[in-house]
Amino acid sequence: MKLKELESCLQQVDVFEEPKILLEQYPTSPHIAACMLYTIHNTFDDIEGKLVADLGCGCGVLSIGASMLDAGLCVGLDIDDDALDIFRRNVEEFEAPNVDILQCDLSALQDDAFSKKFDTVIMNPPFGTKHNQGMDMRFLQTALTMAETAVYSLHKTATREHIEKKAKDWGVKMDVIAELRYDLPASYKFHKKKSVDIQVDFLRFSTA
């Protein structure tokens, strides 16, 4: 599947109807989702036939995309009922048989709950701002316990040095695959601008 085709399909995925600020719910744009997945698939061969986890999956755009790229199975994990209802609807509309949904609080998981159970973990975690300080790192730590091969994640470019240091402490190899502009649409009442561009890093972590 070509990148343009993947992005075009992902534009049909329904997103949050009433996003929750406490959960830092922002949709992953079809463009960013498609670029992430296309690279993971074509450059690293970490999707096709693999067991994939999508952490903080929200309405499921990354899971649906992984399914289109022939993941063996993609499991979306999220805490929020409303987001998962939309995700279920998306799975039905896209007739994605290789997608499963699991409701759970990732920040409260036991360290070994899914130890090395997945080949690949993909995620666009909360950036750890507002009331969620440190949540991005908690997601990353959890993801690293779950992945046998690699974790792919989006993080604010401003936090790169901090994450690099943590990866070193954890004995994990970190690669910056791309720098992206995350176009954040105004989703909440306190947003003054129609949209804001945030510089984000698309990162790959591997224990190899």
N, C-alpha and C. Protein backbone atom coordinates (compact mmCIF):
# COMPACT_ATOMS: atom_id res chain seq x y z
N MET A 1 0.84 -1.20 0.00
CA MET A 1 0.00 0.00 0.00
C MET A 1 0.88 1.25 0.00
N LYS A 2 0.55 2.20 -0.89
CA LYS A 2 1.34 3.43 -0.97
C LYS A 2 0.98 4.37 0.18
N LEU A 3 1.92 5.26 0.52
CA LEU A 3 1.73 6.19 1.63
C LEU A 3 0.48 7.05 1.44
N LYS A 4 0.30 7.59 0.23
CA LYS A 4 -0.87 8.46 -0.05
C LYS A 4 -2.18 7.70 0.16
N GLU A 5 -2.18 6.45 -0.28
CA GLU A 5 -3.38 5.61 -0.17
C GLU A 5 -3.71 5.36 1.31
N LEU A 6 -2.66 5.06 2.08
CA LEU A 6 -2.84 4.81 3.53
C LEU A 6 -3.40 6.06 4.20
N GLU A 7 -2.80 7.21 3.90
CA GLU A 7 -3.27 8.47 4.51
C GLU A 7 -4.71 8.76 4.13
N SER A 8 -5.04 8.52 2.88
CA SER A 8 -6.40 8.76 2.40
C SER A 8 -7.41 7.88 3.16
N CYS A 9 -7.07 6.62 3.38
CA CYS A 9 -7.94 5.71 4.15
C CYS A 9 -8.10 6.19 5.59
N LEU A 10 -6.99 6.63 6.19
CA LEU A 10 -7.03 7.01 7.61
C LEU A 10 -7.81 8.31 7.83
N GLN A 11 -8.03 9.06 6.75
CA GLN A 11 -8.86 10.27 6.87
C GLN A 11 -10.32 9.93 7.16
N GLN A 12 -10.68 8.67 6.93
CA GLN A 12 -12.07 8.24 7.17
C GLN A 12 -12.29 7.78 8.63
N VAL A 13 -11.22 7.74 9.42
CA VAL A 13 -11.35 7.25 10.81
C VAL A 13 -11.99 8.34 11.67
N ASP A 14 -13.06 7.98 12.38
CA ASP A 14 -13.72 8.95 13.28
C ASP A 14 -12.82 9.26 14.47
N VAL A 15 -12.88 10.53 14.94
CA VAL A 15 -12.05 10.93 16.08
C VAL A 15 -12.93 11.34 17.27
N PHE A 16 -12.28 11.82 18.33
CA PHE A 16 -12.99 12.17 19.57
C PHE A 16 -14.15 13.13 19.31
N GLU A 17 -15.30 12.82 19.94
CA GLU A 17 -16.43 13.73 19.82
C GLU A 17 -16.33 14.83 20.88
N GLU A 18 -15.97 14.42 22.11
CA GLU A 18 -15.75 15.39 23.19
C GLU A 18 -14.45 15.04 23.90
N PRO A 19 -13.30 15.53 23.37
CA PRO A 19 -12.02 15.16 23.96
C PRO A 19 -11.89 15.61 25.41
N LYS A 20 -11.17 14.82 26.20
CA LYS A 20 -11.03 15.10 27.64
C LYS A 20 -9.64 15.65 27.92
N ILE A 21 -9.62 16.86 28.45
CA ILE A 21 -8.34 17.53 28.70
C ILE A 21 -7.50 16.76 29.72
N LEU A 22 -8.15 16.16 30.71
CA LEU A 22 -7.37 15.44 31.75
C LEU A 22 -6.61 14.25 31.17
N LEU A 23 -7.12 13.71 30.07
CA LEU A 23 -6.43 12.58 29.42
C LEU A 23 -5.57 13.06 28.25
N GLU A 24 -5.49 14.38 28.09
CA GLU A 24 -4.73 14.97 26.96
C GLU A 24 -5.12 14.32 25.63
N GLN A 25 -6.41 14.28 25.38
CA GLN A 25 -6.88 13.63 24.15
C GLN A 25 -6.81 14.57 22.95
N TYR A 26 -5.87 14.28 22.08
CA TYR A 26 -5.75 14.97 20.80
C TYR A 26 -5.65 13.90 19.73
N PRO A 27 -6.37 14.07 18.62
CA PRO A 27 -6.28 13.03 17.58
C PRO A 27 -4.91 13.05 16.90
N THR A 28 -4.40 11.87 16.56
CA THR A 28 -3.20 11.78 15.72
C THR A 28 -3.67 12.02 14.29
N SER A 29 -3.11 13.01 13.63
CA SER A 29 -3.59 13.34 12.28
C SER A 29 -3.34 12.17 11.32
N PRO A 30 -4.20 12.02 10.32
CA PRO A 30 -4.00 10.94 9.33
C PRO A 30 -2.62 11.01 8.70
N HIS A 31 -2.12 12.24 8.48
CA HIS A 31 -0.82 12.40 7.84
C HIS A 31 0.30 11.84 8.72
N ILE A 32 0.30 12.23 9.99
CA ILE A 32 1.35 11.75 10.91
C ILE A 32 1.21 10.25 11.13
N ALA A 33 -0.03 9.78 11.33
CA ALA A 33 -0.25 8.34 11.54
C ALA A 33 0.26 7.53 10.35
N ALA A 34 -0.07 8.00 9.15
CA ALA A 34 0.35 7.28 7.93
C ALA A 34 1.87 7.28 7.80
N CYS A 35 2.51 8.44 8.04
CA CYS A 35 3.99 8.51 7.95
C CYS A 35 4.65 7.57 8.95
N MET A 36 4.14 7.57 10.18
CA MET A 36 4.69 6.68 11.22
C MET A 36 4.61 5.22 10.78
N LEU A 37 3.39 4.82 10.44
CA LEU A 37 3.14 3.41 10.13
C LEU A 37 3.87 2.95 8.88
N TYR A 38 3.87 3.81 7.87
CA TYR A 38 4.54 3.48 6.61
C TYR A 38 6.04 3.23 6.85
N THR A 39 6.64 4.08 7.69
CA THR A 39 8.07 3.94 8.00
C THR A 39 8.33 2.68 8.82
N ILE A 40 7.49 2.46 9.84
CA ILE A 40 7.66 1.26 10.68
C ILE A 40 7.57 0.00 9.82
N HIS A 41 6.64 0.03 8.87
CA HIS A 41 6.39 -1.12 8.01
C HIS A 41 7.49 -1.31 6.97
N ASN A 42 7.81 -0.23 6.24
CA ASN A 42 8.72 -0.36 5.10
C ASN A 42 10.19 -0.32 5.46
N THR A 43 10.55 0.48 6.46
CA THR A 43 11.97 0.60 6.80
C THR A 43 12.40 -0.49 7.79
N PHE A 44 11.51 -0.82 8.73
CA PHE A 44 11.93 -1.73 9.81
C PHE A 44 11.21 -3.08 9.80
N ASP A 45 10.21 -3.23 8.93
CA ASP A 45 9.45 -4.49 8.84
C ASP A 45 8.92 -4.93 10.21
N ASP A 46 8.34 -3.97 10.94
CA ASP A 46 7.87 -4.26 12.30
C ASP A 46 6.34 -4.28 12.42
N ILE A 47 5.63 -4.42 11.29
CA ILE A 47 4.16 -4.50 11.38
C ILE A 47 3.60 -5.77 10.75
N GLU A 48 3.93 -6.03 9.51
CA GLU A 48 3.32 -7.16 8.80
C GLU A 48 3.57 -8.48 9.53
N GLY A 49 2.45 -9.16 9.86
CA GLY A 49 2.55 -10.45 10.53
C GLY A 49 2.95 -10.38 11.99
N LYS A 50 3.08 -9.17 12.52
CA LYS A 50 3.56 -9.00 13.91
C LYS A 50 2.40 -8.80 14.88
N LEU A 51 2.70 -9.06 16.14
CA LEU A 51 1.76 -8.77 17.22
C LEU A 51 2.08 -7.36 17.70
N VAL A 52 1.14 -6.45 17.50
CA VAL A 52 1.38 -5.01 17.73
C VAL A 52 0.47 -4.50 18.85
N ALA A 53 1.01 -3.68 19.74
CA ALA A 53 0.19 -3.01 20.75
C ALA A 53 0.18 -1.52 20.45
N ASP A 54 -1.00 -0.91 20.59
CA ASP A 54 -1.17 0.53 20.39
C ASP A 54 -1.59 1.12 21.74
N LEU A 55 -0.64 1.78 22.43
CA LEU A 55 -0.91 2.24 23.80
C LEU A 55 -1.55 3.63 23.79
N GLY A 56 -2.60 3.79 24.63
CA GLY A 56 -3.33 5.05 24.62
C GLY A 56 -3.95 5.26 23.25
N CYS A 57 -4.60 4.21 22.77
CA CYS A 57 -5.02 4.14 21.36
C CYS A 57 -6.09 5.14 20.97
N GLY A 58 -6.82 5.69 21.96
CA GLY A 58 -7.88 6.65 21.62
C GLY A 58 -8.89 6.03 20.68
N CYS A 59 -9.16 6.70 19.57
CA CYS A 59 -10.18 6.22 18.62
C CYS A 59 -9.61 5.23 17.61
N GLY A 60 -8.32 4.92 17.72
CA GLY A 60 -7.79 3.77 17.00
C GLY A 60 -7.14 4.00 15.65
N VAL A 61 -6.75 5.24 15.33
CA VAL A 61 -6.19 5.48 13.99
C VAL A 61 -4.92 4.66 13.73
N LEU A 62 -4.05 4.53 14.72
CA LEU A 62 -2.81 3.76 14.52
C LEU A 62 -3.11 2.26 14.40
N SER A 63 -4.06 1.79 15.20
CA SER A 63 -4.44 0.37 15.12
C SER A 63 -5.07 0.03 13.77
N ILE A 64 -5.97 0.89 13.32
CA ILE A 64 -6.63 0.67 12.02
C ILE A 64 -5.57 0.65 10.91
N GLY A 65 -4.63 1.60 10.99
CA GLY A 65 -3.56 1.67 9.99
C GLY A 65 -2.67 0.44 10.01
N ALA A 66 -2.34 -0.04 11.21
CA ALA A 66 -1.51 -1.25 11.34
C ALA A 66 -2.24 -2.45 10.75
N SER A 67 -3.55 -2.48 10.98
CA SER A 67 -4.37 -3.55 10.42
C SER A 67 -4.31 -3.55 8.89
N MET A 68 -4.36 -2.35 8.29
CA MET A 68 -4.29 -2.23 6.82
C MET A 68 -2.94 -2.69 6.27
N LEU A 69 -1.91 -2.58 7.11
CA LEU A 69 -0.57 -3.01 6.68
C LEU A 69 -0.30 -4.46 7.10
N ASP A 70 -1.40 -5.18 7.37
CA ASP A 70 -1.34 -6.63 7.61
C ASP A 70 -0.63 -7.05 8.89
N ALA A 71 -0.85 -6.29 9.96
CA ALA A 71 -0.37 -6.76 11.27
C ALA A 71 -1.03 -8.10 11.55
N GLY A 72 -0.29 -8.99 12.22
CA GLY A 72 -0.89 -10.27 12.59
C GLY A 72 -2.09 -10.02 13.49
N LEU A 73 -1.87 -9.17 14.51
CA LEU A 73 -2.93 -8.71 15.40
C LEU A 73 -2.48 -7.40 16.01
N CYS A 74 -3.38 -6.43 16.08
CA CYS A 74 -3.06 -5.17 16.76
C CYS A 74 -4.03 -5.00 17.92
N VAL A 75 -3.50 -4.82 19.12
CA VAL A 75 -4.33 -4.65 20.31
C VAL A 75 -4.24 -3.19 20.76
N GLY A 76 -5.39 -2.50 20.75
CA GLY A 76 -5.44 -1.11 21.21
C GLY A 76 -5.79 -1.08 22.68
N LEU A 77 -5.00 -0.34 23.47
CA LEU A 77 -5.24 -0.25 24.92
C LEU A 77 -5.50 1.21 25.30
N ASP A 78 -6.59 1.43 26.03
CA ASP A 78 -6.91 2.80 26.46
C ASP A 78 -7.78 2.72 27.71
N ILE A 79 -7.79 3.83 28.48
CA ILE A 79 -8.56 3.86 29.72
C ILE A 79 -9.98 4.37 29.50
N ASP A 80 -10.21 5.07 28.38
CA ASP A 80 -11.43 5.85 28.22
C ASP A 80 -12.54 5.13 27.44
N ASP A 81 -13.67 4.96 28.12
CA ASP A 81 -14.86 4.32 27.54
C ASP A 81 -15.32 4.95 26.23
N ASP A 82 -15.44 6.29 26.27
CA ASP A 82 -16.00 7.00 25.12
C ASP A 82 -15.12 6.84 23.89
N ALA A 83 -13.80 6.97 24.10
CA ALA A 83 -12.87 6.82 22.97
C ALA A 83 -12.97 5.40 22.41
N LEU A 84 -13.06 4.42 23.30
CA LEU A 84 -13.10 3.02 22.86
C LEU A 84 -14.40 2.70 22.13
N ASP A 85 -15.48 3.38 22.49
CA ASP A 85 -16.74 3.19 21.75
C ASP A 85 -16.57 3.64 20.29
N ILE A 86 -15.89 4.79 20.11
CA ILE A 86 -15.63 5.29 18.75
C ILE A 86 -14.69 4.33 18.03
N PHE A 87 -13.71 3.83 18.76
CA PHE A 87 -12.75 2.87 18.19
C PHE A 87 -13.49 1.63 17.69
N ARG A 88 -14.40 1.11 18.51
CA ARG A 88 -15.17 -0.09 18.10
C ARG A 88 -15.95 0.18 16.82
N ARG A 89 -16.53 1.36 16.75
CA ARG A 89 -17.28 1.76 15.55
C ARG A 89 -16.35 1.78 14.33
N ASN A 90 -15.16 2.35 14.54
CA ASN A 90 -14.18 2.40 13.45
C ASN A 90 -13.79 1.00 12.98
N VAL A 91 -13.59 0.10 13.93
CA VAL A 91 -13.20 -1.28 13.58
C VAL A 91 -14.29 -1.93 12.74
N GLU A 92 -15.55 -1.70 13.12
CA GLU A 92 -16.66 -2.27 12.35
C GLU A 92 -16.73 -1.67 10.94
N GLU A 93 -16.58 -0.34 10.88
CA GLU A 93 -16.67 0.32 9.57
C GLU A 93 -15.55 -0.10 8.63
N PHE A 94 -14.37 -0.29 9.19
CA PHE A 94 -13.22 -0.68 8.35
C PHE A 94 -13.11 -2.20 8.19
N GLU A 95 -14.02 -2.92 8.87
CA GLU A 95 -14.00 -4.39 8.83
C GLU A 95 -12.58 -4.89 9.06
N ALA A 96 -12.03 -4.51 10.23
CA ALA A 96 -10.64 -4.88 10.57
C ALA A 96 -10.66 -6.07 11.52
N PRO A 97 -10.55 -7.28 11.00
CA PRO A 97 -10.68 -8.47 11.85
C PRO A 97 -9.46 -8.66 12.76
N ASN A 98 -8.34 -8.06 12.38
CA ASN A 98 -7.11 -8.30 13.14
C ASN A 98 -6.83 -7.20 14.16
N VAL A 99 -7.93 -6.61 14.71
CA VAL A 99 -7.79 -5.58 15.75
C VAL A 99 -8.58 -6.00 16.98
N ASP A 100 -7.94 -5.90 18.13
CA ASP A 100 -8.60 -6.17 19.41
C ASP A 100 -8.55 -4.92 20.27
N ILE A 101 -9.48 -4.80 21.20
CA ILE A 101 -9.53 -3.61 22.05
C ILE A 101 -9.52 -4.05 23.51
N LEU A 102 -8.71 -3.37 24.31
CA LEU A 102 -8.59 -3.72 25.72
C LEU A 102 -8.64 -2.45 26.55
N GLN A 103 -9.61 -2.38 27.46
CA GLN A 103 -9.69 -1.20 28.32
C GLN A 103 -8.83 -1.42 29.55
N CYS A 104 -7.86 -0.52 29.78
CA CYS A 104 -7.05 -0.63 30.99
C CYS A 104 -6.33 0.68 31.28
N ASP A 105 -5.95 0.85 32.52
CA ASP A 105 -5.20 2.03 32.95
C ASP A 105 -3.71 1.68 32.86
N LEU A 106 -3.06 2.20 31.82
CA LEU A 106 -1.66 1.83 31.57
C LEU A 106 -0.74 2.28 32.69
N SER A 107 -1.12 3.38 33.35
CA SER A 107 -0.23 3.88 34.41
C SER A 107 -0.32 3.04 35.68
N ALA A 108 -1.32 2.15 35.74
CA ALA A 108 -1.47 1.32 36.94
C ALA A 108 -1.13 -0.15 36.69
N LEU A 109 -0.62 -0.45 35.50
CA LEU A 109 -0.28 -1.84 35.17
C LEU A 109 0.91 -2.33 35.99
N GLN A 110 0.88 -3.60 36.37
CA GLN A 110 2.06 -4.22 36.97
C GLN A 110 3.17 -4.26 35.92
N ASP A 111 4.41 -4.12 36.36
CA ASP A 111 5.55 -4.09 35.42
C ASP A 111 5.58 -5.27 34.46
N ASP A 112 5.19 -6.44 34.96
CA ASP A 112 5.31 -7.64 34.13
C ASP A 112 3.97 -8.08 33.54
N ALA A 113 2.99 -7.18 33.55
CA ALA A 113 1.63 -7.56 33.10
C ALA A 113 1.63 -8.08 31.66
N PHE A 114 2.37 -7.42 30.80
CA PHE A 114 2.43 -7.86 29.39
C PHE A 114 3.89 -8.03 28.98
N SER A 115 4.70 -8.51 29.89
CA SER A 115 6.15 -8.56 29.65
C SER A 115 6.50 -9.27 28.33
N LYS A 116 7.09 -8.52 27.40
CA LYS A 116 7.56 -9.04 26.10
C LYS A 116 6.48 -9.81 25.34
N LYS A 117 5.22 -9.41 25.54
CA LYS A 117 4.12 -10.14 24.89
C LYS A 117 3.90 -9.68 23.44
N PHE A 118 4.44 -8.50 23.09
CA PHE A 118 4.22 -7.95 21.75
C PHE A 118 5.54 -7.81 21.00
N ASP A 119 5.48 -7.97 19.68
CA ASP A 119 6.69 -7.72 18.88
C ASP A 119 6.99 -6.23 18.86
N THR A 120 5.94 -5.45 18.60
CA THR A 120 6.09 -4.01 18.35
C THR A 120 5.07 -3.24 19.17
N VAL A 121 5.49 -2.11 19.74
CA VAL A 121 4.54 -1.20 20.41
C VAL A 121 4.58 0.13 19.68
N ILE A 122 3.40 0.65 19.32
CA ILE A 122 3.30 1.97 18.69
C ILE A 122 2.46 2.85 19.59
N MET A 123 2.77 4.15 19.62
CA MET A 123 1.94 5.02 20.47
C MET A 123 2.18 6.50 20.19
N ASN A 124 1.15 7.26 20.46
CA ASN A 124 1.24 8.72 20.53
C ASN A 124 0.78 9.05 21.95
N PRO A 125 1.71 8.99 22.92
CA PRO A 125 1.31 9.09 24.32
C PRO A 125 0.95 10.53 24.71
N PRO A 126 0.32 10.70 25.88
CA PRO A 126 0.15 12.07 26.39
C PRO A 126 1.54 12.72 26.49
N PHE A 127 1.64 14.00 26.16
CA PHE A 127 2.95 14.66 26.18
C PHE A 127 3.41 15.01 27.60
N GLY A 128 2.55 14.73 28.58
CA GLY A 128 2.97 14.96 29.96
C GLY A 128 2.93 16.41 30.37
N THR A 129 1.94 17.14 29.84
CA THR A 129 1.80 18.55 30.23
C THR A 129 0.57 18.69 31.13
N LYS A 130 0.26 19.95 31.49
CA LYS A 130 -0.90 20.21 32.36
C LYS A 130 -0.87 19.34 33.62
N HIS A 131 -1.92 18.51 33.79
CA HIS A 131 -2.04 17.72 35.02
C HIS A 131 -1.32 16.38 34.91
N ASN A 132 -0.69 16.15 33.77
CA ASN A 132 -0.17 14.80 33.49
C ASN A 132 1.34 14.71 33.49
N GLN A 133 1.99 15.54 34.30
CA GLN A 133 3.44 15.58 34.22
C GLN A 133 4.07 14.20 34.39
N GLY A 134 5.00 13.89 33.49
CA GLY A 134 5.70 12.61 33.58
C GLY A 134 4.96 11.44 32.95
N MET A 135 3.72 11.69 32.46
CA MET A 135 2.92 10.60 31.89
C MET A 135 3.57 10.03 30.63
N ASP A 136 4.23 10.90 29.85
CA ASP A 136 4.89 10.43 28.63
C ASP A 136 5.96 9.38 28.96
N MET A 137 6.71 9.62 30.05
CA MET A 137 7.77 8.68 30.44
C MET A 137 7.19 7.40 31.04
N ARG A 138 6.05 7.55 31.72
CA ARG A 138 5.41 6.35 32.29
C ARG A 138 4.92 5.43 31.16
N PHE A 139 4.33 6.03 30.14
CA PHE A 139 3.90 5.27 28.96
C PHE A 139 5.10 4.57 28.32
N LEU A 140 6.20 5.30 28.19
CA LEU A 140 7.38 4.76 27.52
C LEU A 140 7.96 3.58 28.30
N GLN A 141 8.02 3.75 29.62
CA GLN A 141 8.54 2.64 30.45
C GLN A 141 7.67 1.39 30.30
N THR A 142 6.35 1.59 30.33
CA THR A 142 5.42 0.47 30.17
C THR A 142 5.61 -0.18 28.80
N ALA A 143 5.70 0.65 27.76
CA ALA A 143 5.86 0.14 26.40
C ALA A 143 7.11 -0.71 26.27
N LEU A 144 8.19 -0.27 26.90
CA LEU A 144 9.46 -1.00 26.80
C LEU A 144 9.40 -2.37 27.49
N THR A 145 8.55 -2.50 28.51
CA THR A 145 8.41 -3.83 29.13
C THR A 145 7.61 -4.77 28.22
N MET A 146 6.75 -4.18 27.37
CA MET A 146 5.83 -4.99 26.57
C MET A 146 6.42 -5.46 25.24
N ALA A 147 7.40 -4.69 24.72
CA ALA A 147 7.89 -4.94 23.35
C ALA A 147 9.07 -5.90 23.32
N GLU A 148 8.98 -6.86 22.45
CA GLU A 148 10.08 -7.80 22.22
C GLU A 148 11.13 -7.16 21.32
N THR A 149 10.68 -6.40 20.32
CA THR A 149 11.60 -5.85 19.32
C THR A 149 11.80 -4.35 19.44
N ALA A 150 10.71 -3.57 19.31
CA ALA A 150 10.88 -2.11 19.29
C ALA A 150 9.63 -1.37 19.73
N VAL A 151 9.86 -0.15 20.21
CA VAL A 151 8.78 0.78 20.56
C VAL A 151 8.92 2.00 19.66
N TYR A 152 7.80 2.42 19.07
CA TYR A 152 7.77 3.63 18.23
C TYR A 152 6.85 4.63 18.89
N SER A 153 7.35 5.86 19.07
CA SER A 153 6.57 6.81 19.86
C SER A 153 6.81 8.25 19.41
N LEU A 154 5.84 9.12 19.69
CA LEU A 154 5.97 10.56 19.42
C LEU A 154 6.21 11.30 20.73
N HIS A 155 7.19 12.19 20.73
CA HIS A 155 7.47 12.99 21.93
C HIS A 155 7.85 14.40 21.50
N LYS A 156 7.58 15.36 22.36
CA LYS A 156 7.98 16.74 22.06
C LYS A 156 9.48 16.81 21.84
N THR A 157 9.89 17.49 20.78
CA THR A 157 11.32 17.64 20.49
C THR A 157 12.04 18.28 21.67
N ALA A 158 11.35 19.16 22.38
CA ALA A 158 11.95 19.85 23.53
C ALA A 158 12.37 18.87 24.64
N THR A 159 11.80 17.67 24.64
CA THR A 159 12.14 16.70 25.70
C THR A 159 13.19 15.68 25.24
N ARG A 160 13.75 15.88 24.04
CA ARG A 160 14.64 14.85 23.46
C ARG A 160 15.82 14.51 24.38
N GLU A 161 16.50 15.52 24.88
CA GLU A 161 17.69 15.26 25.72
C GLU A 161 17.33 14.46 26.96
N HIS A 162 16.23 14.83 27.57
CA HIS A 162 15.76 14.13 28.77
C HIS A 162 15.47 12.66 28.45
N ILE A 163 14.79 12.43 27.33
CA ILE A 163 14.43 11.06 26.95
C ILE A 163 15.68 10.26 26.60
N GLU A 164 16.62 10.92 25.91
CA GLU A 164 17.88 10.26 25.55
C GLU A 164 18.61 9.77 26.79
N LYS A 165 18.63 10.62 27.81
CA LYS A 165 19.31 10.28 29.07
C LYS A 165 18.62 9.09 29.74
N LYS A 166 17.28 9.13 29.75
CA LYS A 166 16.51 8.03 30.35
C LYS A 166 16.76 6.72 29.60
N ALA A 167 16.75 6.79 28.27
CA ALA A 167 16.97 5.59 27.45
C ALA A 167 18.33 4.98 27.80
N LYS A 168 19.32 5.84 27.95
CA LYS A 168 20.67 5.37 28.33
C LYS A 168 20.64 4.67 29.68
N ASP A 169 19.96 5.31 30.64
CA ASP A 169 19.83 4.73 31.99
C ASP A 169 19.17 3.35 31.94
N TRP A 170 18.19 3.21 31.04
CA TRP A 170 17.45 1.95 30.95
C TRP A 170 18.14 0.92 30.06
N GLY A 171 19.26 1.31 29.45
CA GLY A 171 19.99 0.38 28.56
C GLY A 171 19.26 0.13 27.26
N VAL A 172 18.62 1.19 26.75
CA VAL A 172 17.80 1.08 25.54
C VAL A 172 18.40 1.97 24.45
N LYS A 173 18.39 1.48 23.22
CA LYS A 173 18.89 2.27 22.09
C LYS A 173 17.76 3.15 21.55
N MET A 174 18.04 4.45 21.42
CA MET A 174 17.03 5.38 20.92
C MET A 174 17.49 6.01 19.61
N ASP A 175 16.63 5.98 18.61
CA ASP A 175 16.93 6.62 17.33
C ASP A 175 15.85 7.64 17.00
N VAL A 176 16.27 8.83 16.55
CA VAL A 176 15.31 9.82 16.06
C VAL A 176 15.08 9.53 14.58
N ILE A 177 13.90 9.02 14.27
CA ILE A 177 13.59 8.66 12.88
C ILE A 177 13.22 9.89 12.07
N ALA A 178 12.49 10.81 12.69
CA ALA A 178 12.08 12.02 11.97
C ALA A 178 11.68 13.11 12.95
N GLU A 179 11.80 14.36 12.50
CA GLU A 179 11.22 15.49 13.24
C GLU A 179 9.97 15.90 12.49
N LEU A 180 8.87 16.00 13.20
CA LEU A 180 7.58 16.29 12.57
C LEU A 180 6.96 17.54 13.16
N ARG A 181 6.08 18.15 12.38
CA ARG A 181 5.28 19.25 12.91
C ARG A 181 3.90 18.70 13.23
N TYR A 182 3.58 18.70 14.51
CA TYR A 182 2.29 18.19 14.97
C TYR A 182 1.33 19.38 14.97
N ASP A 183 0.41 19.37 14.04
CA ASP A 183 -0.55 20.46 13.93
C ASP A 183 -1.70 20.17 14.89
N LEU A 184 -1.68 20.88 16.01
CA LEU A 184 -2.64 20.61 17.08
C LEU A 184 -3.86 21.50 16.89
N PRO A 185 -5.00 20.93 16.48
CA PRO A 185 -6.18 21.78 16.28
C PRO A 185 -6.73 22.27 17.63
N ALA A 186 -7.39 23.39 17.62
CA ALA A 186 -8.02 23.89 18.85
C ALA A 186 -9.13 22.92 19.25
N SER A 187 -8.93 22.24 20.38
CA SER A 187 -9.89 21.22 20.79
C SER A 187 -10.60 21.58 22.09
N TYR A 188 -10.06 22.54 22.82
CA TYR A 188 -10.60 22.86 24.14
C TYR A 188 -10.88 24.36 24.24
N LYS A 189 -11.73 24.71 25.19
CA LYS A 189 -12.16 26.11 25.33
C LYS A 189 -10.99 27.06 25.58
N PHE A 190 -9.96 26.59 26.30
CA PHE A 190 -8.86 27.50 26.64
C PHE A 190 -7.91 27.75 25.47
N HIS A 191 -8.09 27.03 24.37
CA HIS A 191 -7.24 27.25 23.20
C HIS A 191 -7.63 28.55 22.49
N LYS A 192 -6.67 29.44 22.40
CA LYS A 192 -6.95 30.76 21.79
C LYS A 192 -6.78 30.73 20.27
N LYS A 193 -5.86 29.90 19.79
CA LYS A 193 -5.58 29.86 18.35
C LYS A 193 -6.31 28.68 17.71
N LYS A 194 -6.56 28.81 16.41
CA LYS A 194 -7.25 27.72 15.69
C LYS A 194 -6.41 26.45 15.70
N SER A 195 -5.11 26.62 15.54
CA SER A 195 -4.22 25.46 15.62
C SER A 195 -2.82 25.93 16.00
N VAL A 196 -2.05 25.00 16.57
CA VAL A 196 -0.68 25.31 17.00
C VAL A 196 0.23 24.22 16.46
N ASP A 197 1.36 24.62 15.93
CA ASP A 197 2.35 23.64 15.48
C ASP A 197 3.30 23.31 16.62
N ILE A 198 3.40 22.02 16.95
CA ILE A 198 4.35 21.59 17.97
C ILE A 198 5.40 20.72 17.29
N GLN A 199 6.67 20.99 17.60
CA GLN A 199 7.74 20.16 17.05
C GLN A 199 7.78 18.84 17.82
N VAL A 200 7.65 17.75 17.10
CA VAL A 200 7.71 16.44 17.77
C VAL A 200 8.74 15.54 17.10
N ASP A 201 9.30 14.67 17.91
CA ASP A 201 10.23 13.65 17.41
C ASP A 201 9.49 12.33 17.25
N PHE A 202 9.73 11.67 16.14
CA PHE A 202 9.26 10.31 15.95
C PHE A 202 10.45 9.41 16.32
N LEU A 203 10.31 8.68 17.41
CA LEU A 203 11.43 7.95 17.99
C LEU A 203 11.24 6.43 17.91
N ARG A 204 12.35 5.74 17.76
CA ARG A 204 12.35 4.27 17.82
C ARG A 204 13.26 3.83 18.97
N PHE A 205 12.75 2.98 19.82
CA PHE A 205 13.52 2.44 20.95
C PHE A 205 13.67 0.94 20.75
N SER A 206 14.88 0.45 20.93
CA SER A 206 15.07 -1.00 20.83
C SER A 206 16.06 -1.45 21.89
N THR A 207 15.87 -2.66 22.36
CA THR A 207 16.77 -3.18 23.40
C THR A 207 17.98 -3.85 22.78
N ALA A 208 17.95 -3.99 21.46
CA ALA A 208 19.07 -4.65 20.77
C ALA A 208 20.28 -3.74 20.72
